[in-house]
Protein backbone atom coordinates (compact mmCIF):
# COMPACT_ATOMS: atom_id res chain seq x y z
CA MET A 1 -0.11 0.12 -0.04
CA MET A 2 1.30 3.44 -0.82
CA LYS A 3 0.50 6.97 0.56
CA VAL A 4 0.34 9.38 -2.11
CA THR A 5 -0.03 13.31 -0.71
CA VAL A 6 -0.33 16.07 -3.18
CA TYR A 7 0.81 19.42 -2.75
CA SER A 8 -0.34 22.37 -5.23
CA ILE A 9 1.29 25.02 -5.89
CA GLY A 10 -0.26 28.17 -3.91
CA ASP A 11 -2.19 30.97 -5.70
CA VAL A 12 0.46 33.84 -4.79
CA ALA A 13 3.44 31.30 -5.72
CA LEU A 14 2.04 30.55 -8.94
CA GLY A 15 2.10 33.85 -9.69
CA GLU A 16 5.56 34.80 -8.60
CA HIS A 17 6.75 31.64 -10.13
CA PHE A 18 5.68 30.75 -13.58
CA ILE A 19 8.59 29.00 -14.57
CA ALA A 20 8.20 26.54 -11.74
CA THR A 21 5.28 25.31 -13.89
CA ILE A 22 6.95 24.28 -16.88
CA ALA A 23 8.83 20.98 -15.89
CA SER A 24 10.53 17.84 -16.78
CA PRO A 25 12.42 15.40 -14.87
CA GLU A 26 15.47 16.74 -16.40
CA ARG A 27 14.51 20.66 -15.87
CA HIS A 28 12.20 21.59 -12.96
CA THR A 29 11.96 24.37 -9.95
CA ILE A 30 11.16 23.06 -6.17
CA LEU A 31 9.98 26.17 -4.89
CA PRO A 32 9.93 26.05 -1.10
CA LEU A 33 7.49 23.95 1.29
CA SER A 34 5.59 27.22 1.92
CA ALA A 35 4.86 28.28 -1.44
CA TYR A 36 2.64 25.02 -1.61
CA VAL A 37 -0.93 23.76 -0.53
CA GLU A 38 -0.55 20.35 1.35
CA ARG A 39 -4.05 18.79 0.24
CA MET A 40 -4.97 15.36 1.00
CA ALA A 41 -3.41 12.22 0.96
CA ARG A 42 -4.86 9.15 -0.22
CA LYS A 43 -3.77 5.60 -0.12
CA TYR A 44 -3.38 3.22 -3.52
CA ASP A 45 -3.04 -0.62 -3.82
CA ALA A 46 -0.12 -0.13 -6.20
CA PRO A 47 3.14 -1.86 -7.28
CA ASP A 48 5.24 1.12 -7.47
CA ALA A 49 5.30 4.92 -7.45
CA PRO A 50 4.70 5.60 -10.85
CA THR A 51 1.85 3.70 -10.40
CA ALA A 52 0.56 4.91 -7.04
CA LEU A 53 1.60 8.66 -8.72
CA GLU A 54 -0.98 7.72 -12.02
CA MET A 55 -3.77 6.64 -10.16
CA ALA A 56 -3.31 10.02 -8.17
CA TRP A 57 -3.21 11.77 -11.26
CA GLU A 58 -7.10 10.26 -12.33
CA GLU A 59 -8.41 10.72 -8.77
CA PHE A 60 -7.09 14.84 -8.74
CA GLN A 61 -8.77 16.38 -12.33
CA ASN A 62 -11.64 18.12 -12.18
CA ILE A 63 -13.62 16.45 -14.90
CA ASP A 64 -17.07 17.43 -15.28
CA ALA A 65 -19.53 18.86 -12.77
CA ASN A 66 -20.30 15.27 -12.00
CA ARG A 67 -16.70 14.38 -11.41
CA ARG A 68 -14.38 16.35 -8.81
CA VAL A 69 -11.66 15.61 -6.86
CA PRO A 70 -11.92 14.08 -3.36
CA ASP A 71 -10.81 17.46 -1.95
CA GLY A 72 -13.05 19.71 -3.82
CA GLY A 73 -9.81 21.81 -4.98
CA ARG A 74 -8.15 22.08 -8.23
CA SER A 75 -7.05 19.27 -10.58
CA LEU A 76 -3.14 18.57 -10.41
CA MET A 77 -0.92 20.73 -13.07
CA THR A 78 2.67 20.84 -13.60
CA GLY A 79 4.13 21.93 -11.22
CA ASP A 80 2.41 20.33 -8.56
CA LEU A 81 4.32 18.17 -6.32
CA ALA A 82 3.40 14.69 -4.52
CA LYS A 83 5.11 12.64 -1.59
CA VAL A 84 4.75 9.20 -2.18
CA ASP A 85 5.22 6.71 1.37
CA ILE A 86 5.63 3.29 0.56
CA GLU A 87 4.66 1.13 4.22
CA GLY A 88 7.74 0.38 5.80
CA GLN A 89 10.22 1.86 3.80
CA SER A 90 11.13 5.68 3.14
CA SER A 91 9.53 8.42 1.24
CA THR A 92 10.08 9.94 -1.87
CA TRP A 93 9.28 13.40 -3.80
CA TRP A 94 7.71 13.51 -7.37
CA ILE A 95 7.06 16.96 -9.72
CA CYS A 96 3.90 16.64 -11.89
CA CYS A 97 5.65 17.50 -15.00
CA THR A 98 4.53 18.30 -18.77
CA ILE A 99 4.33 14.88 -19.60
CA GLY A 100 4.08 12.30 -16.54
CA TRP A 101 5.90 12.45 -13.31
CA GLY A 102 9.53 12.71 -12.37
CA GLN A 103 11.47 11.92 -9.07
CA THR A 104 12.56 14.80 -7.19
CA VAL A 105 14.21 15.95 -3.62
CA GLU A 106 12.30 17.03 -1.04
CA PRO A 107 11.32 21.04 -0.64
CA ALA A 108 13.57 23.17 1.29
CA LEU A 109 13.48 26.48 2.50
CA GLU A 110 14.94 28.01 -0.83
CA VAL A 111 14.11 27.58 -4.51
CA GLN A 112 15.64 24.56 -5.89
CA ASN A 113 16.46 24.77 -9.72
CA PHE A 114 17.47 21.72 -11.68
CA GLY A 115 18.46 21.71 -15.00
CA ARG A 116 18.29 25.68 -15.61
């Protein structure tokens, strides 16, 4: 069982750090943790972190009036983060990229740029 906690870029940070919304596994920006809004955690029966993240992606999409995300927030978008906790093991951090997810580092107190 894997627990995925979603972190969305906050509205203020999104405006100030637009570059953070353009991301790939090799080239991305991680904002300070305070720039993200921690959203709900969900548990998934998945064989690995990438599969759990794809399940979270599907669940956190506002498709139409009949299908809303579990916490009532916005859909996941490029630049958002997810923390994956694997039972009995460690946690990993992932960034939502233009295509798929890329493993990254835990947010720190300062902006962290990779490949820029």
